[in-house]
N, C-alpha and C. Protein backbone atom coordinates (compact mmCIF):
# COMPACT_ATOMS: atom_id res chain seq x y z
N MET A 1 174.16 56.40 83.31
CA MET A 1 174.67 55.13 82.82
C MET A 1 176.20 55.21 82.81
N ARG A 2 176.84 54.18 83.33
CA ARG A 2 178.31 54.14 83.37
C ARG A 2 178.85 53.59 82.06
N PRO A 3 179.97 54.15 81.59
CA PRO A 3 180.57 53.61 80.36
C PRO A 3 181.12 52.21 80.60
N ILE A 4 181.02 51.37 79.62
CA ILE A 4 181.50 50.00 79.72
C ILE A 4 182.83 49.90 78.99
N ALA A 5 183.86 49.42 79.70
CA ALA A 5 185.20 49.22 79.15
C ALA A 5 185.69 50.44 78.36
N PRO A 6 185.72 51.61 79.02
CA PRO A 6 186.24 52.78 78.31
C PRO A 6 187.74 52.64 78.08
N ARG A 7 188.24 53.37 77.12
CA ARG A 7 189.68 53.38 76.88
C ARG A 7 190.36 54.05 78.06
N ILE A 8 191.53 53.56 78.39
CA ILE A 8 192.26 54.10 79.52
C ILE A 8 193.19 55.19 79.00
N PRO A 9 193.04 56.42 79.52
CA PRO A 9 193.91 57.51 79.05
C PRO A 9 195.38 57.26 79.40
N GLN A 10 196.26 57.86 78.63
CA GLN A 10 197.69 57.67 78.81
C GLN A 10 198.15 58.05 80.21
N ARG A 11 197.60 59.11 80.78
CA ARG A 11 198.05 59.53 82.11
C ARG A 11 197.72 58.48 83.17
N LEU A 12 196.65 57.72 82.98
CA LEU A 12 196.34 56.64 83.91
C LEU A 12 197.22 55.41 83.62
N LEU A 13 197.54 55.19 82.35
CA LEU A 13 198.46 54.11 82.00
C LEU A 13 199.84 54.36 82.61
N ASP A 14 200.22 55.64 82.66
CA ASP A 14 201.50 55.99 83.29
C ASP A 14 201.50 55.65 84.77
N VAL A 15 200.36 55.85 85.42
CA VAL A 15 200.24 55.50 86.84
C VAL A 15 200.39 53.99 87.01
N VAL A 16 199.72 53.20 86.15
CA VAL A 16 199.83 51.74 86.22
C VAL A 16 201.27 51.32 86.02
N ASP A 17 201.94 51.89 85.04
CA ASP A 17 203.32 51.53 84.74
C ASP A 17 204.23 51.83 85.94
N ARG A 18 204.05 53.00 86.53
CA ARG A 18 204.88 53.38 87.69
C ARG A 18 204.64 52.43 88.86
N LEU A 19 203.37 52.11 89.12
CA LEU A 19 203.06 51.23 90.25
C LEU A 19 203.48 49.78 89.99
N ALA A 20 203.49 49.36 88.73
CA ALA A 20 203.86 47.98 88.39
C ALA A 20 205.32 47.70 88.68
N SER A 21 206.12 48.76 88.79
CA SER A 21 207.53 48.55 89.08
C SER A 21 207.75 48.11 90.53
N ARG A 22 206.76 48.32 91.37
CA ARG A 22 206.86 47.89 92.77
C ARG A 22 206.42 46.44 92.87
N ARG A 23 207.00 45.71 93.80
CA ARG A 23 206.62 44.32 93.99
C ARG A 23 205.54 44.21 95.06
N VAL A 24 204.35 44.67 94.69
CA VAL A 24 203.19 44.56 95.57
C VAL A 24 202.10 43.80 94.82
N ALA A 25 201.11 43.37 95.55
CA ALA A 25 200.01 42.60 94.94
C ALA A 25 199.26 43.47 93.92
N ILE A 26 198.75 42.81 92.91
CA ILE A 26 197.99 43.52 91.87
C ILE A 26 196.74 44.15 92.47
N ALA A 27 196.17 43.52 93.48
CA ALA A 27 194.98 44.09 94.13
C ALA A 27 195.31 45.45 94.74
N GLU A 28 196.48 45.58 95.34
CA GLU A 28 196.90 46.87 95.91
C GLU A 28 197.09 47.90 94.80
N ILE A 29 197.71 47.49 93.70
CA ILE A 29 197.90 48.40 92.56
C ILE A 29 196.54 48.82 92.02
N ASN A 30 195.61 47.88 91.95
CA ASN A 30 194.26 48.18 91.46
C ASN A 30 193.59 49.24 92.33
N ARG A 31 193.73 49.13 93.65
CA ARG A 31 193.13 50.13 94.55
C ARG A 31 193.76 51.51 94.31
N GLU A 32 195.07 51.55 94.16
CA GLU A 32 195.75 52.83 93.95
C GLU A 32 195.41 53.44 92.59
N VAL A 33 195.29 52.60 91.57
CA VAL A 33 194.92 53.09 90.24
C VAL A 33 193.49 53.62 90.27
N GLY A 34 192.61 52.92 90.96
CA GLY A 34 191.22 53.39 91.09
C GLY A 34 191.14 54.73 91.78
N ALA A 35 191.92 54.90 92.85
CA ALA A 35 191.94 56.18 93.56
C ALA A 35 192.49 57.29 92.67
N ALA A 36 193.55 56.97 91.91
CA ALA A 36 194.12 57.96 90.99
C ALA A 36 193.11 58.34 89.91
N ALA A 37 192.38 57.36 89.40
CA ALA A 37 191.37 57.63 88.37
C ALA A 37 190.30 58.58 88.91
N GLU A 38 189.87 58.34 90.14
CA GLU A 38 188.86 59.22 90.73
C GLU A 38 189.39 60.63 90.92
N ARG A 39 190.64 60.76 91.35
CA ARG A 39 191.23 62.09 91.51
C ARG A 39 191.31 62.82 90.18
N MET A 40 191.52 62.06 89.08
CA MET A 40 191.62 62.65 87.76
C MET A 40 190.25 62.86 87.11
N GLY A 41 189.20 62.41 87.80
CA GLY A 41 187.86 62.54 87.24
C GLY A 41 187.57 61.53 86.14
N LEU A 42 188.26 60.40 86.18
CA LEU A 42 188.10 59.35 85.16
C LEU A 42 187.37 58.16 85.76
N PRO A 43 186.72 57.35 84.92
CA PRO A 43 186.12 56.13 85.45
C PRO A 43 187.21 55.15 85.90
N ARG A 44 186.91 54.39 86.94
CA ARG A 44 187.86 53.39 87.42
C ARG A 44 187.98 52.27 86.39
N PRO A 45 189.19 51.86 86.05
CA PRO A 45 189.33 50.69 85.17
C PRO A 45 188.98 49.43 85.96
N SER A 46 188.58 48.40 85.27
CA SER A 46 188.24 47.15 85.94
C SER A 46 189.50 46.48 86.48
N TYR A 47 189.29 45.60 87.44
CA TYR A 47 190.41 44.85 88.00
C TYR A 47 191.12 44.08 86.88
N GLU A 48 190.34 43.48 85.99
CA GLU A 48 190.92 42.68 84.90
C GLU A 48 191.80 43.54 84.00
N GLN A 49 191.36 44.77 83.70
CA GLN A 49 192.18 45.66 82.87
C GLN A 49 193.49 46.00 83.57
N VAL A 50 193.40 46.32 84.85
CA VAL A 50 194.60 46.67 85.61
C VAL A 50 195.53 45.46 85.70
N ARG A 51 194.98 44.29 85.97
CA ARG A 51 195.79 43.07 86.07
C ARG A 51 196.55 42.82 84.77
N ARG A 52 195.86 42.93 83.66
CA ARG A 52 196.50 42.71 82.35
C ARG A 52 197.60 43.73 82.10
N LEU A 53 197.33 44.98 82.41
CA LEU A 53 198.33 46.04 82.20
C LEU A 53 199.55 45.87 83.10
N VAL A 54 199.33 45.45 84.35
CA VAL A 54 200.46 45.22 85.26
C VAL A 54 201.32 44.08 84.75
N HIS A 55 200.69 42.99 84.30
CA HIS A 55 201.47 41.87 83.76
C HIS A 55 202.27 42.31 82.53
N GLU A 56 201.67 43.11 81.67
CA GLU A 56 202.38 43.59 80.48
C GLU A 56 203.56 44.48 80.88
N ALA A 57 203.33 45.39 81.80
CA ALA A 57 204.40 46.30 82.23
C ALA A 57 205.55 45.53 82.87
N ARG A 58 205.22 44.55 83.68
CA ARG A 58 206.27 43.77 84.34
C ARG A 58 207.03 42.90 83.34
N ALA A 59 206.34 42.38 82.33
CA ALA A 59 207.00 41.57 81.31
C ALA A 59 207.97 42.42 80.49
N ILE A 60 207.57 43.64 80.18
CA ILE A 60 208.44 44.54 79.43
C ILE A 60 209.68 44.87 80.24
N ARG A 61 209.50 45.11 81.53
CA ARG A 61 210.63 45.45 82.40
C ARG A 61 211.62 44.30 82.54
N SER A 62 211.10 43.07 82.58
CA SER A 62 211.99 41.93 82.80
C SER A 62 212.78 41.54 81.56
N GLY A 63 212.37 42.03 80.41
CA GLY A 63 213.10 41.74 79.17
C GLY A 63 212.69 40.40 78.59
N PRO A 64 213.32 40.03 77.50
CA PRO A 64 212.96 38.77 76.85
C PRO A 64 213.38 37.58 77.72
N PRO A 65 212.64 36.47 77.61
CA PRO A 65 213.00 35.29 78.40
C PRO A 65 214.35 34.73 77.97
N THR A 66 215.05 34.12 78.90
CA THR A 66 216.34 33.51 78.61
C THR A 66 216.11 32.18 77.89
N THR A 67 216.78 32.00 76.78
CA THR A 67 216.62 30.76 76.02
C THR A 67 217.63 29.72 76.50
N THR A 68 217.36 28.47 76.16
CA THR A 68 218.28 27.39 76.51
C THR A 68 219.62 27.58 75.80
N ALA A 69 219.57 28.09 74.58
CA ALA A 69 220.82 28.34 73.84
C ALA A 69 221.68 29.40 74.56
N ASP A 70 221.03 30.44 75.10
CA ASP A 70 221.77 31.46 75.84
C ASP A 70 222.46 30.86 77.06
N VAL A 71 221.73 30.04 77.80
CA VAL A 71 222.28 29.43 79.00
C VAL A 71 223.40 28.46 78.64
N ALA A 72 223.21 27.68 77.57
CA ALA A 72 224.24 26.72 77.14
C ALA A 72 225.52 27.45 76.74
N LEU A 73 225.39 28.54 75.99
CA LEU A 73 226.56 29.31 75.58
C LEU A 73 227.27 29.90 76.80
N ASP A 74 226.49 30.44 77.73
CA ASP A 74 227.09 31.00 78.95
C ASP A 74 227.82 29.93 79.75
N ALA A 75 227.23 28.73 79.82
CA ALA A 75 227.88 27.64 80.55
C ALA A 75 229.15 27.20 79.83
N LEU A 76 229.12 27.21 78.51
CA LEU A 76 230.28 26.81 77.71
C LEU A 76 231.48 27.75 77.93
N VAL A 77 231.20 29.05 78.01
CA VAL A 77 232.29 30.02 78.18
C VAL A 77 232.58 30.32 79.65
N GLY A 78 231.84 29.69 80.55
CA GLY A 78 232.10 29.84 81.97
C GLY A 78 231.42 31.02 82.63
N ALA A 79 230.48 31.67 81.93
CA ALA A 79 229.77 32.80 82.50
C ALA A 79 228.69 32.36 83.50
N ARG A 80 228.26 31.11 83.35
CA ARG A 80 227.28 30.52 84.27
C ARG A 80 227.77 29.13 84.65
N PRO A 81 227.36 28.66 85.81
CA PRO A 81 227.73 27.28 86.16
C PRO A 81 226.95 26.30 85.29
N LEU A 82 227.47 25.12 85.13
CA LEU A 82 226.81 24.09 84.33
C LEU A 82 225.44 23.72 84.90
N THR A 83 225.29 23.87 86.20
CA THR A 83 223.99 23.56 86.81
C THR A 83 222.89 24.49 86.30
N ALA A 84 223.25 25.68 85.84
CA ALA A 84 222.25 26.60 85.28
C ALA A 84 221.63 25.98 84.03
N LEU A 85 222.43 25.26 83.26
CA LEU A 85 221.90 24.58 82.07
C LEU A 85 220.94 23.48 82.47
N TYR A 86 221.30 22.73 83.49
CA TYR A 86 220.40 21.68 83.98
C TYR A 86 219.08 22.29 84.46
N ASP A 87 219.18 23.41 85.18
CA ASP A 87 217.96 24.07 85.66
C ASP A 87 217.09 24.56 84.50
N GLN A 88 217.73 25.11 83.47
CA GLN A 88 216.99 25.60 82.31
C GLN A 88 216.28 24.46 81.58
N LEU A 89 216.96 23.32 81.46
CA LEU A 89 216.37 22.17 80.78
C LEU A 89 215.24 21.55 81.58
N ALA A 90 215.28 21.72 82.88
CA ALA A 90 214.23 21.16 83.76
C ALA A 90 212.94 21.95 83.69
N LYS A 91 212.99 23.16 83.13
CA LYS A 91 211.78 24.01 83.07
C LYS A 91 210.77 23.46 82.13
């Protein structure tokens, strides 16, 4: 019987984090994580688990989202063009 939704060990999470830094499709990352899991003698994580972890890793890398106040202040002091404020408000 195969384990259902086992916890992912830290060494496999490290693999996901390293691969998430590349700009490749999540499906490709999922294949590589699955292969790494097999080499480590671990069960393959589900695609959904890998997808969620890749999104989390990429969000952490990109930092907090830029707020409208940040863009407005930058436009006020000349660090960004005024059109950046228009673009931010259009989101």
